[in-house]
Amino acid sequence: MRIILDECVPVRLRHELPGHEVQTVLYAGWSSIKNGKLLQLVADSGQFDIFLTVDKNIPHEQQLDSLPFAVVILSAASIRIDDVRLLLPEFLRRISEFQPGHVYVLFPPS
């Protein structure tokens, strides 16, 4: 899968998704761009299957059902790498079911 990490996701996470092409919003040159325009840039690029974020507000602020990629929200306790990392096993287990135009929210294991 081709994954782009939102700038609120710890950059080091890109090294923890083996077997996938992972890029960051920062590396793409899209840092500090507001969500609506950012999602449009990701869509227009045609380069990604998944937009990975920890921003829980995106579904309430943006129209996502027409996007050509899935949006996956890691609902971590914080944006610290240790908290976000807890959600990676679930993300990797479910990665093949993520469909374009859908939003998926992953929660930490209980």
Protein backbone atom coordinates (compact mmCIF):
# COMPACT_ATOMS: atom_id res chain seq x y z
CA MET A 1 0.00 0.00 0.00
CA ARG A 2 1.00 3.60 -0.61
CA ILE A 3 0.55 5.55 2.61
CA ILE A 4 0.96 9.23 3.40
CA LEU A 5 1.36 10.32 7.00
CA ASP A 6 -0.35 13.52 8.07
CA GLU A 7 2.02 15.99 9.70
CA CYS A 8 0.42 15.34 13.11
CA VAL A 9 1.63 11.71 12.93
CA PRO A 10 5.15 11.13 14.32
CA VAL A 11 7.52 11.06 11.33
CA ARG A 12 9.42 8.07 12.74
CA LEU A 13 6.30 5.95 12.21
CA ARG A 14 7.20 5.73 8.51
CA HIS A 15 9.94 3.24 9.41
CA GLU A 16 7.47 0.98 11.24
CA LEU A 17 5.29 0.02 8.29
CA PRO A 18 7.38 -2.62 6.50
CA GLY A 19 6.37 -3.67 3.02
CA HIS A 20 4.54 -0.42 2.29
CA GLU A 21 5.53 2.78 0.51
CA VAL A 22 5.30 5.48 3.16
CA GLN A 23 5.73 9.20 2.67
CA THR A 24 5.06 12.13 4.96
CA VAL A 25 3.18 15.33 4.27
CA LEU A 26 6.37 17.18 5.20
CA TYR A 27 8.48 15.26 2.67
CA ALA A 28 5.85 15.84 -0.02
CA GLY A 29 6.24 19.59 0.57
CA TRP A 30 2.72 20.02 1.91
CA SER A 31 3.38 21.02 5.52
CA SER A 32 1.20 23.71 7.12
CA ILE A 33 -1.55 23.22 4.52
CA LYS A 34 -5.08 23.10 5.93
CA ASN A 35 -6.91 19.76 5.82
CA GLY A 36 -9.32 20.52 2.96
CA LYS A 37 -6.60 21.66 0.57
CA LEU A 38 -4.22 18.96 1.81
CA LEU A 39 -6.71 16.18 1.12
CA GLN A 40 -7.29 17.62 -2.35
CA LEU A 41 -3.54 17.68 -3.03
CA VAL A 42 -3.26 14.04 -1.92
CA ALA A 43 -6.23 13.13 -4.15
CA ASP A 44 -4.89 15.05 -7.15
CA SER A 45 -1.48 13.41 -6.81
CA GLY A 46 -2.99 9.94 -7.36
CA GLN A 47 -0.05 8.51 -5.43
CA PHE A 48 -1.65 7.21 -2.23
CA ASP A 49 -4.06 4.51 -1.04
CA ILE A 50 -4.23 5.63 2.60
CA PHE A 51 -4.06 8.96 4.41
CA LEU A 52 -2.97 8.14 7.97
CA THR A 53 -3.70 10.71 10.67
CA VAL A 54 -4.37 11.17 14.37
CA ASP A 55 -6.70 14.14 13.69
CA LYS A 56 -10.07 12.98 15.04
CA ASN A 57 -11.85 16.07 13.67
CA ILE A 58 -11.30 15.36 9.96
CA PRO A 59 -14.58 13.44 9.44
CA HIS A 60 -16.54 16.33 10.98
CA GLU A 61 -14.76 19.02 8.97
CA GLN A 62 -14.30 17.47 5.53
CA GLN A 63 -16.29 15.66 2.84
CA LEU A 64 -14.42 12.37 2.52
CA ASP A 65 -16.67 9.96 0.63
CA SER A 66 -15.43 10.99 -2.82
CA LEU A 67 -11.72 10.74 -2.03
CA PRO A 68 -9.72 8.20 -4.07
CA PHE A 69 -8.01 6.92 -0.92
CA ALA A 70 -9.00 5.73 2.56
CA VAL A 71 -8.60 7.93 5.61
CA VAL A 72 -7.43 6.04 8.70
CA ILE A 73 -7.51 7.80 12.05
CA LEU A 74 -5.33 6.44 14.81
CA SER A 75 -7.28 7.37 17.93
CA ALA A 76 -4.27 7.30 20.23
CA ALA A 77 -4.08 8.76 23.73
CA SER A 78 -1.61 11.35 22.40
CA ILE A 79 0.53 11.99 19.34
CA ARG A 80 3.60 10.62 21.10
CA ILE A 81 5.23 7.83 19.09
CA ASP A 82 4.75 5.31 21.92
CA ASP A 83 0.99 5.95 22.03
CA VAL A 84 0.55 5.90 18.26
CA ARG A 85 2.70 2.78 17.91
CA LEU A 86 0.17 0.81 19.98
CA LEU A 87 -2.27 1.06 17.07
CA LEU A 88 0.08 -0.26 14.39
CA PRO A 89 -0.72 -3.98 14.84
CA GLU A 90 -4.43 -3.27 14.26
CA PHE A 91 -3.64 -0.99 11.33
CA LEU A 92 -1.45 -3.61 9.67
CA ARG A 93 -3.94 -6.41 10.38
CA ARG A 94 -6.77 -4.47 8.71
CA ILE A 95 -4.84 -2.67 5.95
CA SER A 96 -6.29 -4.78 3.14
CA GLU A 97 -9.87 -3.84 4.06
CA PHE A 98 -9.41 -0.05 3.86
CA GLN A 99 -11.40 1.26 0.89
CA PRO A 100 -11.21 4.62 -0.92
CA GLY A 101 -13.76 7.17 0.22
CA HIS A 102 -14.16 5.59 3.65
CA VAL A 103 -12.96 6.66 7.08
CA TYR A 104 -11.68 4.14 9.60
CA VAL A 105 -11.03 4.95 13.25
CA LEU A 106 -8.70 2.60 15.12
CA PHE A 107 -8.66 2.51 18.91
CA PRO A 108 -5.95 1.28 21.26
CA PRO A 109 -6.27 -2.28 22.56
CA SER A 110 -8.10 -2.48 25.86
